[in-house]
Each structure stands twice: as C-alpha cells, then as structure tokens.
Amino acid sequence: MEVGDGLAVLLNPFCPFSTAKVLALKATVLLLLTLLIKARVQIVAGSALGIFLLLLQMLVFLAISGGLVLASGGAALYTTQQRRSAAA
C-alpha cells in the first residue's frame, strides 16, 4: 500500500466520509435555519413558543449528530473491513 492511496480515498466522491461531510453541512444549514425561525417567532409570539422551538431544535440537532456519528463509524468500519479483506 502506498502513501498516495490514502489521498485517492479522500478525493473519491463516492467515499462514505464525503457523505458524512455533506450530511454535516445539511445539519448545520438546518440548525441555522431553525435558529433564524425561532428568533423571529420568539420576537412575535413570545418566549413560551420560543422555548418549545429551542427544545425541539436541540432534540433534532442531537438526533442528527448521533446519526452522523453512526454513519462515520460505519464508514470507518466498512473501510477497515475492506482493507483487511484486500490484505488477505
């Protein structure tokens, strides 16, 4: 195995880690949008609805973060399995 092989995996658009990066970007955009909507609703409707939206936003963010951790862990496990089978 050469040093250039690791670079080829990172630049491959079908690599599972690039999917995790896209999902992380989508989660960040969703977080920023919900923050913006929450701030507008909090100004208009009052703090009770704003607190509810904040809790909902945190639950969604934690769920997405957990999914990303599982996806990246699965991708790492898949990569190590492939490397082991290629070495055998």
C-alpha atoms as a PDB file:
ATOM      1  CA  MET A   1       0.000   0.000   0.000  1.00  0.00           C
ATOM      2  CA  GLU A   2       1.436   3.378  -0.997  1.00  0.00           C
ATOM      3  CA  VAL A   3       1.073   6.816   0.554  1.00  0.00           C
ATOM      4  CA  GLY A   4      -0.914   8.068  -2.448  1.00  0.00           C
ATOM      5  CA  ASP A   5      -3.679   5.507  -1.806  1.00  0.00           C
ATOM      6  CA  GLY A   6      -4.932   7.435   1.239  1.00  0.00           C
ATOM      7  CA  LEU A   7      -5.167  10.616  -0.815  1.00  0.00           C
ATOM      8  CA  ALA A   8      -7.138   8.826  -3.519  1.00  0.00           C
ATOM      9  CA  VAL A   9      -9.675   7.654  -0.917  1.00  0.00           C
ATOM     10  CA  LEU A  10     -10.112  11.195   0.409  1.00  0.00           C
ATOM     11  CA  LEU A  11     -10.627  12.647  -3.066  1.00  0.00           C
ATOM     12  CA  ASN A  12     -13.039   9.929  -4.203  1.00  0.00           C
ATOM     13  CA  PRO A  13     -16.562  11.454  -4.454  1.00  0.00           C
ATOM     14  CA  PHE A  14     -18.130   8.082  -3.605  1.00  0.00           C
ATOM     15  CA  CYS A  15     -16.216   7.763  -0.341  1.00  0.00           C
ATOM     16  CA  PRO A  16     -18.528   7.348   2.717  1.00  0.00           C
ATOM     17  CA  PHE A  17     -16.700  10.136   4.535  1.00  0.00           C
ATOM     18  CA  SER A  18     -17.700  12.668   1.878  1.00  0.00           C
ATOM     19  CA  THR A  19     -21.316  11.639   2.500  1.00  0.00           C
ATOM     20  CA  ALA A  20     -20.823  12.368   6.196  1.00  0.00           C
ATOM     21  CA  LYS A  21     -19.438  15.799   5.324  1.00  0.00           C
ATOM     22  CA  VAL A  22     -22.484  16.563   3.177  1.00  0.00           C
ATOM     23  CA  LEU A  23     -24.798  15.428   5.972  1.00  0.00           C
ATOM     24  CA  ALA A  24     -22.898  17.603   8.450  1.00  0.00           C
ATOM     25  CA  LEU A  25     -23.306  20.598   6.150  1.00  0.00           C
ATOM     26  CA  LYS A  26     -27.026  19.907   5.807  1.00  0.00           C
ATOM     27  CA  ALA A  27     -27.334  19.625   9.592  1.00  0.00           C
ATOM     28  CA  THR A  28     -25.561  22.962  10.006  1.00  0.00           C
ATOM     29  CA  VAL A  29     -27.857  24.657   7.497  1.00  0.00           C
ATOM     30  CA  LEU A  30     -30.890  23.158   9.237  1.00  0.00           C
ATOM     31  CA  LEU A  31     -29.597  24.362  12.594  1.00  0.00           C
ATOM     32  CA  LEU A  32     -29.063  27.905  11.319  1.00  0.00           C
ATOM     33  CA  LEU A  33     -32.488  27.996   9.675  1.00  0.00           C
ATOM     34  CA  THR A  34     -34.211  26.805  12.832  1.00  0.00           C
ATOM     35  CA  LEU A  35     -32.301  29.386  14.861  1.00  0.00           C
ATOM     36  CA  LEU A  36     -33.475  32.111  12.498  1.00  0.00           C
ATOM     37  CA  ILE A  37     -37.090  30.919  12.555  1.00  0.00           C
ATOM     38  CA  LYS A  38     -37.003  30.535  16.342  1.00  0.00           C
ATOM     39  CA  ALA A  39     -35.703  34.056  16.787  1.00  0.00           C
ATOM     40  CA  ARG A  40     -38.431  35.500  14.547  1.00  0.00           C
ATOM     41  CA  VAL A  41     -41.173  33.521  16.280  1.00  0.00           C
ATOM     42  CA  GLN A  42     -39.830  34.412  19.705  1.00  0.00           C
ATOM     43  CA  ILE A  43     -39.970  38.097  18.870  1.00  0.00           C
ATOM     44  CA  VAL A  44     -43.511  37.868  17.513  1.00  0.00           C
ATOM     45  CA  ALA A  45     -45.218  35.257  19.685  1.00  0.00           C
ATOM     46  CA  GLY A  46     -43.381  35.421  22.996  1.00  0.00           C
ATOM     47  CA  SER A  47     -40.978  33.309  24.944  1.00  0.00           C
ATOM     48  CA  ALA A  48     -43.111  30.173  25.575  1.00  0.00           C
ATOM     49  CA  LEU A  49     -43.216  29.171  21.917  1.00  0.00           C
ATOM     50  CA  GLY A  50     -39.566  30.165  21.515  1.00  0.00           C
ATOM     51  CA  ILE A  51     -38.533  27.854  24.359  1.00  0.00           C
ATOM     52  CA  PHE A  52     -40.556  24.999  22.829  1.00  0.00           C
ATOM     53  CA  LEU A  53     -38.874  25.547  19.459  1.00  0.00           C
ATOM     54  CA  LEU A  54     -35.478  25.693  21.147  1.00  0.00           C
ATOM     55  CA  LEU A  55     -36.074  22.325  22.814  1.00  0.00           C
ATOM     56  CA  LEU A  56     -37.344  20.846  19.550  1.00  0.00           C
ATOM     57  CA  GLN A  57     -34.328  22.231  17.709  1.00  0.00           C
ATOM     58  CA  MET A  58     -31.936  20.739  20.261  1.00  0.00           C
ATOM     59  CA  LEU A  59     -33.593  17.325  20.008  1.00  0.00           C
ATOM     60  CA  VAL A  60     -33.370  17.384  16.202  1.00  0.00           C
ATOM     61  CA  PHE A  61     -29.754  18.542  16.318  1.00  0.00           C
ATOM     62  CA  LEU A  62     -28.802  15.791  18.784  1.00  0.00           C
ATOM     63  CA  ALA A  63     -30.554  13.189  16.633  1.00  0.00           C
ATOM     64  CA  ILE A  64     -28.734  14.365  13.504  1.00  0.00           C
ATOM     65  CA  SER A  65     -25.415  14.440  15.352  1.00  0.00           C
ATOM     66  CA  GLY A  66     -25.959  10.889  16.583  1.00  0.00           C
ATOM     67  CA  GLY A  67     -26.795   9.789  13.059  1.00  0.00           C
ATOM     68  CA  LEU A  68     -23.624  11.370  11.734  1.00  0.00           C
ATOM     69  CA  VAL A  69     -21.554   9.618  14.392  1.00  0.00           C
ATOM     70  CA  LEU A  70     -23.137   6.297  13.447  1.00  0.00           C
ATOM     71  CA  ALA A  71     -22.619   6.957   9.732  1.00  0.00           C
ATOM     72  CA  SER A  72     -18.963   7.892  10.105  1.00  0.00           C
ATOM     73  CA  GLY A  73     -18.341   4.950  12.461  1.00  0.00           C
ATOM     74  CA  GLY A  74     -19.963   2.606   9.969  1.00  0.00           C
ATOM     75  CA  ALA A  75     -17.899   4.070   7.149  1.00  0.00           C
ATOM     76  CA  ALA A  76     -14.703   3.598   9.143  1.00  0.00           C
ATOM     77  CA  LEU A  77     -15.670   0.022   9.975  1.00  0.00           C
ATOM     78  CA  TYR A  78     -16.520  -0.657   6.320  1.00  0.00           C
ATOM     79  CA  THR A  79     -13.164   0.778   5.211  1.00  0.00           C
ATOM     80  CA  THR A  80     -11.196  -1.327   7.689  1.00  0.00           C
ATOM     81  CA  GLN A  81     -13.148  -4.446   6.651  1.00  0.00           C
ATOM     82  CA  GLN A  82     -12.298  -3.796   3.006  1.00  0.00           C
ATOM     83  CA  ARG A  83      -8.639  -3.192   3.789  1.00  0.00           C
ATOM     84  CA  ARG A  84      -8.467  -6.433   5.789  1.00  0.00           C
ATOM     85  CA  SER A  85     -10.107  -8.432   3.000  1.00  0.00           C
ATOM     86  CA  ALA A  86      -7.790  -6.838   0.414  1.00  0.00           C
ATOM     87  CA  ALA A  87      -4.741  -7.652   2.541  1.00  0.00           C
ATOM     88  CA  ALA A  88      -5.837 -11.284   2.976  1.00  0.00           C
END
